[in-house]
Amino acid sequence: MTSKPESVSGGCLCGSIRYKLTFPEGTWPANAATCQCTMCRKWTGALVSHDLLIHPSQLVDDITKSPTYKEYQSSETAVRSFCSQCGSGLTWRIIGMNDMIVLMTGTIDEEALIGKKIEGSEQGTEFGIKFDREGGLYKGLCTPNMGNLFWNNVIPGITDHDVAGTKFLQSFPQE
């Protein structure tokens, strides 16, 4: 497992919304999940969304203060945030649940997520240029230790392979 980082940075595609995500004691590896619900698919444009369940205090920067930060109430119970300039989805939260927000893992900066490109390691292949990387926190950020949501919506042979973690047929079990 990768060692616990103090923080990672991320933001939207155009860079107008930036954040720093901290990892206080007890928050590493990150609380990660995947979701295959129709709402997440339509919002992200991906068959599977990769999510980090975080406490709002883990975000050092108040992204809501950015002039391009917008929210959309996607259901009776949830609000999703995005950049109005580039359209990047950033977070979603359950209305009335103030101790958790879901941060979209793909908004974390490339070097933190998959590692820094090693200069001089470029290799030509039949598919393009390949290079080696060092670092990267993908294991601690992307392994769905909190589970896989809406497993009822898997696409057989496409979104159901090589998936670690508990498979919840719908959302997390309600207590």
N, C-alpha and C. Protein backbone atom coordinates (compact mmCIF):
# COMPACT_ATOMS: atom_id res chain seq x y z
N MET A 1 0.84 -1.18 0.00
CA MET A 1 0.00 0.00 0.00
C MET A 1 0.89 1.24 0.00
N THR A 2 0.42 2.27 -0.66
CA THR A 2 1.17 3.53 -0.68
C THR A 2 1.10 4.18 0.69
N SER A 3 2.14 4.93 1.04
CA SER A 3 2.12 5.61 2.32
C SER A 3 1.13 6.76 2.28
N LYS A 4 0.62 7.12 3.44
CA LYS A 4 -0.41 8.14 3.55
C LYS A 4 0.14 9.50 3.15
N PRO A 5 -0.49 10.13 2.17
CA PRO A 5 -0.07 11.48 1.80
C PRO A 5 -0.66 12.48 2.78
N GLU A 6 -0.01 13.62 2.91
CA GLU A 6 -0.58 14.69 3.71
C GLU A 6 -1.79 15.28 2.99
N SER A 7 -1.64 15.47 1.67
CA SER A 7 -2.72 16.03 0.87
C SER A 7 -2.48 15.74 -0.60
N VAL A 8 -3.52 15.93 -1.39
CA VAL A 8 -3.42 15.90 -2.86
C VAL A 8 -4.21 17.09 -3.38
N SER A 9 -3.88 17.49 -4.59
CA SER A 9 -4.62 18.61 -5.19
C SER A 9 -5.41 18.11 -6.39
N GLY A 10 -6.38 18.91 -6.76
CA GLY A 10 -7.20 18.56 -7.91
C GLY A 10 -8.05 19.74 -8.33
N GLY A 11 -8.92 19.50 -9.27
CA GLY A 11 -9.79 20.56 -9.74
C GLY A 11 -10.49 20.17 -11.02
N CYS A 12 -11.13 21.17 -11.61
CA CYS A 12 -11.88 20.95 -12.84
C CYS A 12 -10.94 20.98 -14.05
N LEU A 13 -11.48 20.67 -15.21
CA LEU A 13 -10.70 20.60 -16.44
C LEU A 13 -10.07 21.93 -16.83
N CYS A 14 -10.81 23.02 -16.70
CA CYS A 14 -10.29 24.33 -17.13
C CYS A 14 -9.40 24.99 -16.08
N GLY A 15 -9.41 24.48 -14.85
CA GLY A 15 -8.55 25.01 -13.80
C GLY A 15 -9.14 26.16 -13.01
N SER A 16 -10.37 26.55 -13.30
CA SER A 16 -10.94 27.67 -12.55
C SER A 16 -11.38 27.27 -11.14
N ILE A 17 -11.59 25.99 -10.90
CA ILE A 17 -11.89 25.50 -9.55
C ILE A 17 -10.77 24.55 -9.16
N ARG A 18 -10.08 24.86 -8.08
CA ARG A 18 -8.98 24.05 -7.57
C ARG A 18 -9.26 23.72 -6.11
N TYR A 19 -8.74 22.59 -5.66
CA TYR A 19 -8.89 22.22 -4.26
C TYR A 19 -7.65 21.49 -3.78
N LYS A 20 -7.53 21.43 -2.46
CA LYS A 20 -6.52 20.60 -1.80
C LYS A 20 -7.29 19.70 -0.85
N LEU A 21 -7.09 18.40 -0.98
CA LEU A 21 -7.76 17.39 -0.16
C LEU A 21 -6.75 16.85 0.84
N THR A 22 -7.06 16.95 2.13
CA THR A 22 -6.15 16.47 3.17
C THR A 22 -6.60 15.11 3.68
N PHE A 23 -5.66 14.40 4.27
CA PHE A 23 -5.92 13.07 4.82
C PHE A 23 -5.50 13.02 6.28
N PRO A 24 -6.37 13.50 7.19
CA PRO A 24 -6.05 13.41 8.62
C PRO A 24 -5.92 11.94 9.04
N GLU A 25 -5.44 11.74 10.23
CA GLU A 25 -5.27 10.39 10.77
C GLU A 25 -6.57 9.60 10.63
N GLY A 26 -6.47 8.36 10.18
CA GLY A 26 -7.63 7.49 10.06
C GLY A 26 -8.39 7.62 8.75
N THR A 27 -7.87 8.43 7.82
CA THR A 27 -8.58 8.60 6.54
C THR A 27 -7.81 8.03 5.36
N TRP A 28 -6.83 7.16 5.63
CA TRP A 28 -6.07 6.54 4.55
C TRP A 28 -5.97 5.05 4.79
N PRO A 29 -6.19 4.17 3.82
CA PRO A 29 -6.56 4.56 2.47
C PRO A 29 -7.90 5.29 2.44
N ALA A 30 -8.10 6.05 1.39
CA ALA A 30 -9.30 6.87 1.27
C ALA A 30 -10.55 5.99 1.24
N ASN A 31 -11.67 6.55 1.68
CA ASN A 31 -12.95 5.86 1.60
C ASN A 31 -13.45 5.95 0.16
N ALA A 32 -13.16 4.92 -0.62
CA ALA A 32 -13.46 4.94 -2.05
C ALA A 32 -14.60 3.98 -2.37
N ALA A 33 -15.37 4.36 -3.38
CA ALA A 33 -16.48 3.52 -3.85
C ALA A 33 -16.62 3.72 -5.36
N THR A 34 -17.34 2.80 -5.97
CA THR A 34 -17.74 3.00 -7.36
C THR A 34 -19.26 3.01 -7.40
N CYS A 35 -19.81 3.61 -8.44
CA CYS A 35 -21.26 3.65 -8.57
C CYS A 35 -21.65 3.42 -10.02
N GLN A 36 -22.68 2.60 -10.21
CA GLN A 36 -23.19 2.33 -11.55
C GLN A 36 -24.66 2.73 -11.66
N CYS A 37 -25.10 3.68 -10.82
CA CYS A 37 -26.49 4.12 -10.93
C CYS A 37 -26.65 4.97 -12.19
N THR A 38 -27.85 5.04 -12.68
CA THR A 38 -28.12 5.80 -13.91
C THR A 38 -27.80 7.27 -13.73
N MET A 39 -28.08 7.83 -12.56
CA MET A 39 -27.81 9.25 -12.33
C MET A 39 -26.30 9.55 -12.44
N CYS A 40 -25.47 8.74 -11.81
CA CYS A 40 -24.01 8.94 -11.90
C CYS A 40 -23.52 8.74 -13.33
N ARG A 41 -24.08 7.77 -14.02
CA ARG A 41 -23.68 7.54 -15.42
C ARG A 41 -23.99 8.76 -16.28
N LYS A 42 -25.18 9.30 -16.13
CA LYS A 42 -25.55 10.45 -16.96
C LYS A 42 -24.75 11.69 -16.58
N TRP A 43 -24.48 11.86 -15.27
CA TRP A 43 -23.75 13.04 -14.81
C TRP A 43 -22.29 13.01 -15.22
N THR A 44 -21.65 11.83 -15.15
CA THR A 44 -20.22 11.74 -15.47
C THR A 44 -19.96 11.40 -16.93
N GLY A 45 -20.93 10.78 -17.59
CA GLY A 45 -20.70 10.30 -18.94
C GLY A 45 -19.90 9.01 -18.97
N ALA A 46 -19.69 8.40 -17.82
CA ALA A 46 -18.93 7.16 -17.72
C ALA A 46 -19.84 6.03 -17.25
N LEU A 47 -19.50 4.81 -17.60
CA LEU A 47 -20.31 3.67 -17.16
C LEU A 47 -20.18 3.42 -15.67
N VAL A 48 -19.03 3.76 -15.10
CA VAL A 48 -18.78 3.58 -13.67
C VAL A 48 -18.14 4.86 -13.15
N SER A 49 -18.70 5.42 -12.09
CA SER A 49 -18.05 6.58 -11.47
C SER A 49 -17.19 6.09 -10.31
N HIS A 50 -16.07 6.75 -10.12
CA HIS A 50 -15.17 6.46 -9.00
C HIS A 50 -15.27 7.63 -8.04
N ASP A 51 -15.58 7.32 -6.79
CA ASP A 51 -15.94 8.34 -5.81
C ASP A 51 -15.12 8.22 -4.54
N LEU A 52 -14.85 9.37 -3.92
CA LEU A 52 -14.22 9.42 -2.61
C LEU A 52 -15.23 10.00 -1.63
N LEU A 53 -15.51 9.27 -0.57
CA LEU A 53 -16.43 9.74 0.46
C LEU A 53 -15.59 10.45 1.51
N ILE A 54 -15.76 11.76 1.61
CA ILE A 54 -14.90 12.56 2.48
C ILE A 54 -15.73 13.42 3.42
N HIS A 55 -15.10 13.85 4.50
CA HIS A 55 -15.69 14.85 5.39
C HIS A 55 -15.40 16.21 4.77
N PRO A 56 -16.36 17.14 4.78
CA PRO A 56 -16.13 18.46 4.17
C PRO A 56 -14.86 19.16 4.67
N SER A 57 -14.46 18.91 5.92
CA SER A 57 -13.27 19.56 6.46
C SER A 57 -11.99 19.09 5.78
N GLN A 58 -12.04 17.97 5.04
CA GLN A 58 -10.86 17.49 4.33
C GLN A 58 -10.52 18.38 3.13
N LEU A 59 -11.48 19.15 2.63
CA LEU A 59 -11.22 20.09 1.54
C LEU A 59 -10.75 21.39 2.14
N VAL A 60 -9.48 21.71 1.95
CA VAL A 60 -8.90 22.93 2.51
C VAL A 60 -9.53 24.16 1.87
N ASP A 61 -9.71 24.11 0.58
CA ASP A 61 -10.24 25.26 -0.15
C ASP A 61 -11.76 25.17 -0.25
N ASP A 62 -12.44 26.30 -0.06
CA ASP A 62 -13.89 26.34 -0.20
C ASP A 62 -14.21 26.52 -1.68
N ILE A 63 -14.45 25.41 -2.36
CA ILE A 63 -14.68 25.47 -3.80
C ILE A 63 -15.97 26.21 -4.14
N THR A 64 -16.87 26.32 -3.17
CA THR A 64 -18.14 27.01 -3.44
C THR A 64 -17.94 28.50 -3.68
N LYS A 65 -16.77 29.03 -3.32
CA LYS A 65 -16.48 30.46 -3.51
C LYS A 65 -16.02 30.78 -4.93
N SER A 66 -15.71 29.78 -5.72
CA SER A 66 -15.28 30.03 -7.10
C SER A 66 -16.46 30.57 -7.91
N PRO A 67 -16.22 31.58 -8.74
CA PRO A 67 -17.31 32.13 -9.55
C PRO A 67 -17.91 31.12 -10.54
N THR A 68 -17.17 30.07 -10.87
CA THR A 68 -17.70 29.09 -11.83
C THR A 68 -18.33 27.88 -11.13
N TYR A 69 -18.32 27.86 -9.80
CA TYR A 69 -18.93 26.75 -9.05
C TYR A 69 -20.45 26.86 -9.14
N LYS A 70 -21.09 25.79 -9.55
CA LYS A 70 -22.55 25.75 -9.63
C LYS A 70 -23.03 24.43 -9.04
N GLU A 71 -24.29 24.45 -8.59
CA GLU A 71 -24.92 23.23 -8.07
C GLU A 71 -26.20 22.95 -8.84
N TYR A 72 -26.53 21.67 -8.91
CA TYR A 72 -27.74 21.20 -9.56
C TYR A 72 -28.38 20.17 -8.65
N GLN A 73 -29.65 20.36 -8.30
CA GLN A 73 -30.35 19.38 -7.47
C GLN A 73 -30.82 18.27 -8.40
N SER A 74 -30.12 17.14 -8.35
CA SER A 74 -30.36 16.05 -9.29
C SER A 74 -31.49 15.11 -8.87
N SER A 75 -31.92 15.21 -7.63
CA SER A 75 -33.04 14.40 -7.15
C SER A 75 -33.61 15.09 -5.91
N GLU A 76 -34.61 14.49 -5.33
CA GLU A 76 -35.18 15.06 -4.10
C GLU A 76 -34.18 15.07 -2.96
N THR A 77 -33.18 14.18 -3.04
CA THR A 77 -32.26 14.02 -1.91
C THR A 77 -30.81 14.40 -2.19
N ALA A 78 -30.46 14.72 -3.43
CA ALA A 78 -29.04 14.94 -3.75
C ALA A 78 -28.80 16.21 -4.57
N VAL A 79 -27.62 16.80 -4.32
CA VAL A 79 -27.16 17.98 -5.05
C VAL A 79 -25.79 17.66 -5.63
N ARG A 80 -25.58 18.00 -6.89
CA ARG A 80 -24.29 17.77 -7.56
C ARG A 80 -23.66 19.10 -7.91
N SER A 81 -22.33 19.19 -7.77
CA SER A 81 -21.64 20.44 -8.10
C SER A 81 -20.78 20.23 -9.34
N PHE A 82 -20.58 21.34 -10.06
CA PHE A 82 -19.82 21.28 -11.31
C PHE A 82 -19.27 22.66 -11.62
N CYS A 83 -18.35 22.71 -12.57
CA CYS A 83 -17.80 23.97 -13.05
C CYS A 83 -18.66 24.44 -14.22
N SER A 84 -19.17 25.66 -14.14
CA SER A 84 -20.03 26.17 -15.22
C SER A 84 -19.24 26.57 -16.46
N GLN A 85 -17.92 26.64 -16.34
CA GLN A 85 -17.10 27.00 -17.50
C GLN A 85 -16.75 25.78 -18.36
N CYS A 86 -16.29 24.70 -17.72
CA CYS A 86 -15.86 23.52 -18.48
C CYS A 86 -16.79 22.33 -18.33
N GLY A 87 -17.69 22.37 -17.36
CA GLY A 87 -18.65 21.28 -17.17
C GLY A 87 -18.19 20.14 -16.30
N SER A 88 -16.97 20.18 -15.77
CA SER A 88 -16.47 19.08 -14.93
C SER A 88 -17.35 18.88 -13.71
N GLY A 89 -17.77 17.62 -13.49
CA GLY A 89 -18.47 17.27 -12.26
C GLY A 89 -17.45 17.15 -11.14
N LEU A 90 -17.75 17.73 -9.98
CA LEU A 90 -16.79 17.75 -8.88
C LEU A 90 -17.24 16.94 -7.68
N THR A 91 -18.43 17.23 -7.16
CA THR A 91 -18.91 16.58 -5.95
C THR A 91 -20.40 16.31 -6.06
N TRP A 92 -20.87 15.48 -5.16
CA TRP A 92 -22.30 15.42 -4.91
C TRP A 92 -22.48 15.17 -3.43
N ARG A 93 -23.64 15.55 -2.93
CA ARG A 93 -23.91 15.38 -1.50
C ARG A 93 -25.39 15.09 -1.30
N ILE A 94 -25.67 14.46 -0.19
CA ILE A 94 -27.06 14.19 0.19
C ILE A 94 -27.55 15.39 0.99
N ILE A 95 -28.68 15.92 0.59
CA ILE A 95 -29.25 17.09 1.27
C ILE A 95 -29.51 16.74 2.73
N GLY A 96 -29.04 17.59 3.63
CA GLY A 96 -29.22 17.38 5.06
C GLY A 96 -28.13 16.56 5.71
N MET A 97 -27.26 15.94 4.94
CA MET A 97 -26.14 15.18 5.50
C MET A 97 -24.90 16.05 5.39
N ASN A 98 -24.58 16.74 6.47
CA ASN A 98 -23.50 17.72 6.43
C ASN A 98 -22.13 17.17 6.76
N ASP A 99 -22.04 15.88 7.09
CA ASP A 99 -20.75 15.32 7.48
C ASP A 99 -20.10 14.48 6.38
N MET A 100 -20.68 14.50 5.16
CA MET A 100 -20.08 13.74 4.07
C MET A 100 -20.39 14.40 2.73
N ILE A 101 -19.37 14.47 1.89
CA ILE A 101 -19.58 14.80 0.48
C ILE A 101 -18.83 13.76 -0.34
N VAL A 102 -19.26 13.59 -1.55
CA VAL A 102 -18.63 12.63 -2.45
C VAL A 102 -17.85 13.43 -3.48
N LEU A 103 -16.54 13.23 -3.50
CA LEU A 103 -15.65 13.91 -4.44
C LEU A 103 -15.35 12.95 -5.58
N MET A 104 -15.44 13.42 -6.80
CA MET A 104 -15.17 12.58 -7.96
C MET A 104 -13.66 12.35 -8.08
N THR A 105 -13.24 11.10 -8.00
CA THR A 105 -11.83 10.75 -7.97
C THR A 105 -11.08 11.24 -9.20
N GLY A 106 -11.73 11.27 -10.34
CA GLY A 106 -11.08 11.70 -11.57
C GLY A 106 -10.69 13.16 -11.61
N THR A 107 -11.11 13.95 -10.60
CA THR A 107 -10.73 15.36 -10.56
C THR A 107 -9.39 15.57 -9.86
N ILE A 108 -8.82 14.51 -9.29
CA ILE A 108 -7.51 14.62 -8.64
C ILE A 108 -6.45 14.78 -9.73
N ASP A 109 -5.46 15.62 -9.47
CA ASP A 109 -4.42 15.90 -10.45
C ASP A 109 -3.70 14.62 -10.88
N GLU A 110 -3.31 14.58 -12.15
CA GLU A 110 -2.70 13.41 -12.77
C GLU A 110 -1.48 12.89 -12.01
N GLU A 111 -0.56 13.77 -11.62
CA GLU A 111 0.66 13.30 -10.94
C GLU A 111 0.35 12.64 -9.61
N ALA A 112 -0.64 13.16 -8.88
CA ALA A 112 -1.01 12.55 -7.61
C ALA A 112 -1.71 11.22 -7.84
N LEU A 113 -2.55 11.17 -8.85
CA LEU A 113 -3.35 9.97 -9.09
C LEU A 113 -2.53 8.83 -9.69
N ILE A 114 -1.83 9.08 -10.79
CA ILE A 114 -1.13 7.98 -11.47
C ILE A 114 0.38 8.12 -11.50
N GLY A 115 0.92 9.18 -10.92
CA GLY A 115 2.36 9.33 -10.81
C GLY A 115 2.95 10.30 -11.82
N LYS A 116 4.16 10.73 -11.50
CA LYS A 116 4.88 11.69 -12.33
C LYS A 116 5.58 10.96 -13.47
N LYS A 117 5.50 11.53 -14.66
CA LYS A 117 6.20 10.96 -15.82
C LYS A 117 7.71 11.05 -15.57
N ILE A 118 8.40 9.96 -15.83
CA ILE A 118 9.85 9.94 -15.67
C ILE A 118 10.47 10.46 -16.97
N GLU A 119 11.17 11.57 -16.84
CA GLU A 119 11.79 12.20 -18.00
C GLU A 119 12.78 11.26 -18.66
N GLY A 120 12.74 11.17 -19.97
CA GLY A 120 13.65 10.32 -20.71
C GLY A 120 13.21 8.87 -20.84
N SER A 121 12.04 8.53 -20.31
CA SER A 121 11.59 7.13 -20.36
C SER A 121 10.65 6.86 -21.54
N GLU A 122 10.48 7.83 -22.42
CA GLU A 122 9.56 7.68 -23.54
C GLU A 122 9.98 6.52 -24.44
N GLN A 123 9.00 5.73 -24.83
CA GLN A 123 9.24 4.60 -25.73
C GLN A 123 8.14 4.59 -26.78
N GLY A 124 8.52 4.52 -28.04
CA GLY A 124 7.54 4.43 -29.11
C GLY A 124 6.96 3.03 -29.18
N THR A 125 5.66 2.92 -29.30
CA THR A 125 4.99 1.63 -29.47
C THR A 125 4.06 1.75 -30.68
N GLU A 126 3.47 0.64 -31.07
CA GLU A 126 2.52 0.69 -32.19
C GLU A 126 1.27 1.50 -31.85
N PHE A 127 1.07 1.78 -30.56
CA PHE A 127 -0.11 2.53 -30.13
C PHE A 127 0.20 3.98 -29.78
N GLY A 128 1.45 4.37 -29.84
CA GLY A 128 1.85 5.72 -29.49
C GLY A 128 3.03 5.71 -28.54
N ILE A 129 3.25 6.83 -27.87
CA ILE A 129 4.38 6.98 -26.95
C ILE A 129 3.99 6.48 -25.56
N LYS A 130 4.83 5.62 -25.01
CA LYS A 130 4.64 5.10 -23.65
C LYS A 130 5.78 5.66 -22.80
N PHE A 131 5.50 5.94 -21.55
CA PHE A 131 6.55 6.39 -20.64
C PHE A 131 6.30 5.80 -19.27
N ASP A 132 7.37 5.72 -18.48
CA ASP A 132 7.28 5.20 -17.12
C ASP A 132 6.88 6.34 -16.19
N ARG A 133 6.32 5.95 -15.05
CA ARG A 133 5.90 6.91 -14.03
C ARG A 133 6.45 6.49 -12.68
N GLU A 134 6.59 7.46 -11.80
CA GLU A 134 6.97 7.17 -10.42
C GLU A 134 5.92 7.78 -9.50
N GLY A 135 5.63 7.04 -8.44
CA GLY A 135 4.63 7.53 -7.49
C GLY A 135 3.23 7.17 -7.96
N GLY A 136 2.30 7.96 -7.52
CA GLY A 136 0.90 7.70 -7.85
C GLY A 136 0.20 7.05 -6.68
N LEU A 137 -0.94 7.58 -6.34
CA LEU A 137 -1.69 7.11 -5.17
C LEU A 137 -2.93 6.33 -5.55
N TYR A 138 -2.96 5.83 -6.78
CA TYR A 138 -4.16 5.20 -7.31
C TYR A 138 -4.69 4.06 -6.46
N LYS A 139 -3.83 3.24 -5.89
CA LYS A 139 -4.30 2.12 -5.06
C LYS A 139 -5.09 2.62 -3.85
N GLY A 140 -4.53 3.59 -3.15
CA GLY A 140 -5.19 4.12 -1.96
C GLY A 140 -6.38 5.01 -2.25
N LEU A 141 -6.44 5.55 -3.47
CA LEU A 141 -7.55 6.44 -3.84
C LEU A 141 -8.67 5.74 -4.60
N CYS A 142 -8.36 4.64 -5.26
CA CYS A 142 -9.34 4.05 -6.19
C CYS A 142 -9.86 2.68 -5.80
N THR A 143 -9.19 1.97 -4.90
CA THR A 143 -9.68 0.65 -4.50
C THR A 143 -10.97 0.84 -3.72
N PRO A 144 -12.08 0.27 -4.18
CA PRO A 144 -13.39 0.56 -3.57
C PRO A 144 -13.61 -0.16 -2.24
N ASN A 145 -12.88 0.29 -1.21
CA ASN A 145 -13.01 -0.32 0.11
C ASN A 145 -14.37 -0.04 0.75
N MET A 146 -15.10 0.94 0.23
CA MET A 146 -16.46 1.21 0.71
C MET A 146 -17.51 0.47 -0.12
N GLY A 147 -17.07 -0.17 -1.19
CA GLY A 147 -17.98 -1.00 -1.97
C GLY A 147 -18.30 -0.44 -3.34
N ASN A 148 -19.11 -1.21 -4.03
CA ASN A 148 -19.56 -0.90 -5.39
C ASN A 148 -21.07 -0.77 -5.35
N LEU A 149 -21.58 0.40 -5.69
CA LEU A 149 -23.00 0.67 -5.57
C LEU A 149 -23.75 0.38 -6.87
N PHE A 150 -24.99 0.04 -6.72
CA PHE A 150 -25.90 -0.25 -7.84
C PHE A 150 -25.36 -1.35 -8.74
N TRP A 151 -24.94 -2.47 -8.08
CA TRP A 151 -24.44 -3.63 -8.82
C TRP A 151 -25.54 -4.22 -9.70
N ASN A 152 -26.82 -3.91 -9.40
CA ASN A 152 -27.92 -4.34 -10.27
C ASN A 152 -27.77 -3.79 -11.68
N ASN A 153 -27.03 -2.70 -11.83
CA ASN A 153 -26.89 -2.04 -13.13
C ASN A 153 -25.62 -2.42 -13.88
N VAL A 154 -24.92 -3.47 -13.46
CA VAL A 154 -23.69 -3.83 -14.17
C VAL A 154 -24.01 -4.18 -15.62
N ILE A 155 -23.04 -3.94 -16.47
CA ILE A 155 -23.15 -4.34 -17.87
C ILE A 155 -22.28 -5.59 -18.01
N PRO A 156 -22.91 -6.77 -18.14
CA PRO A 156 -22.17 -8.03 -18.14
C PRO A 156 -21.02 -8.02 -19.16
N GLY A 157 -19.85 -8.43 -18.67
CA GLY A 157 -18.67 -8.50 -19.51
C GLY A 157 -17.97 -7.17 -19.72
N ILE A 158 -18.56 -6.09 -19.24
CA ILE A 158 -17.98 -4.76 -19.41
C ILE A 158 -17.65 -4.12 -18.06
N THR A 159 -18.63 -3.97 -17.18
CA THR A 159 -18.40 -3.28 -15.91
C THR A 159 -18.40 -4.22 -14.71
N ASP A 160 -18.35 -5.52 -14.95
CA ASP A 160 -18.42 -6.47 -13.84
C ASP A 160 -17.15 -7.29 -13.64
N HIS A 161 -16.04 -6.89 -14.24
CA HIS A 161 -14.82 -7.70 -14.13
C HIS A 161 -13.76 -7.01 -13.28
N ASP A 162 -12.95 -7.83 -12.62
CA ASP A 162 -11.82 -7.34 -11.82
C ASP A 162 -12.21 -6.25 -10.84
N VAL A 163 -13.32 -6.43 -10.14
CA VAL A 163 -13.81 -5.41 -9.21
C VAL A 163 -13.67 -5.94 -7.79
N ALA A 164 -12.89 -5.21 -6.98
CA ALA A 164 -12.72 -5.58 -5.58
C ALA A 164 -13.81 -4.92 -4.75
N GLY A 165 -14.04 -5.43 -3.57
CA GLY A 165 -14.97 -4.79 -2.64
C GLY A 165 -16.37 -5.38 -2.70
N THR A 166 -17.15 -5.02 -1.70
CA THR A 166 -18.53 -5.49 -1.58
C THR A 166 -19.37 -4.94 -2.72
N LYS A 167 -20.26 -5.76 -3.23
CA LYS A 167 -21.14 -5.34 -4.31
C LYS A 167 -22.55 -5.15 -3.75
N PHE A 168 -22.97 -3.89 -3.62
CA PHE A 168 -24.31 -3.58 -3.13
C PHE A 168 -25.25 -3.50 -4.33
N LEU A 169 -26.37 -4.20 -4.26
CA LEU A 169 -27.29 -4.22 -5.40
C LEU A 169 -27.86 -2.84 -5.69
N GLN A 170 -27.98 -2.02 -4.65
CA GLN A 170 -28.42 -0.64 -4.85
C GLN A 170 -27.43 0.25 -4.13
N SER A 171 -27.91 1.16 -3.29
CA SER A 171 -27.02 2.05 -2.55
C SER A 171 -26.50 1.33 -1.31
N PHE A 172 -25.77 2.06 -0.46
CA PHE A 172 -25.34 1.48 0.80
C PHE A 172 -26.56 1.06 1.60
N PRO A 173 -26.47 -0.03 2.36
CA PRO A 173 -27.60 -0.42 3.20
C PRO A 173 -27.96 0.70 4.18
N GLN A 174 -29.24 0.97 4.31
CA GLN A 174 -29.69 2.01 5.24
C GLN A 174 -29.87 1.38 6.61
N GLU A 175 -29.42 2.08 7.64
CA GLU A 175 -29.51 1.54 9.00
C GLU A 175 -30.82 1.93 9.63
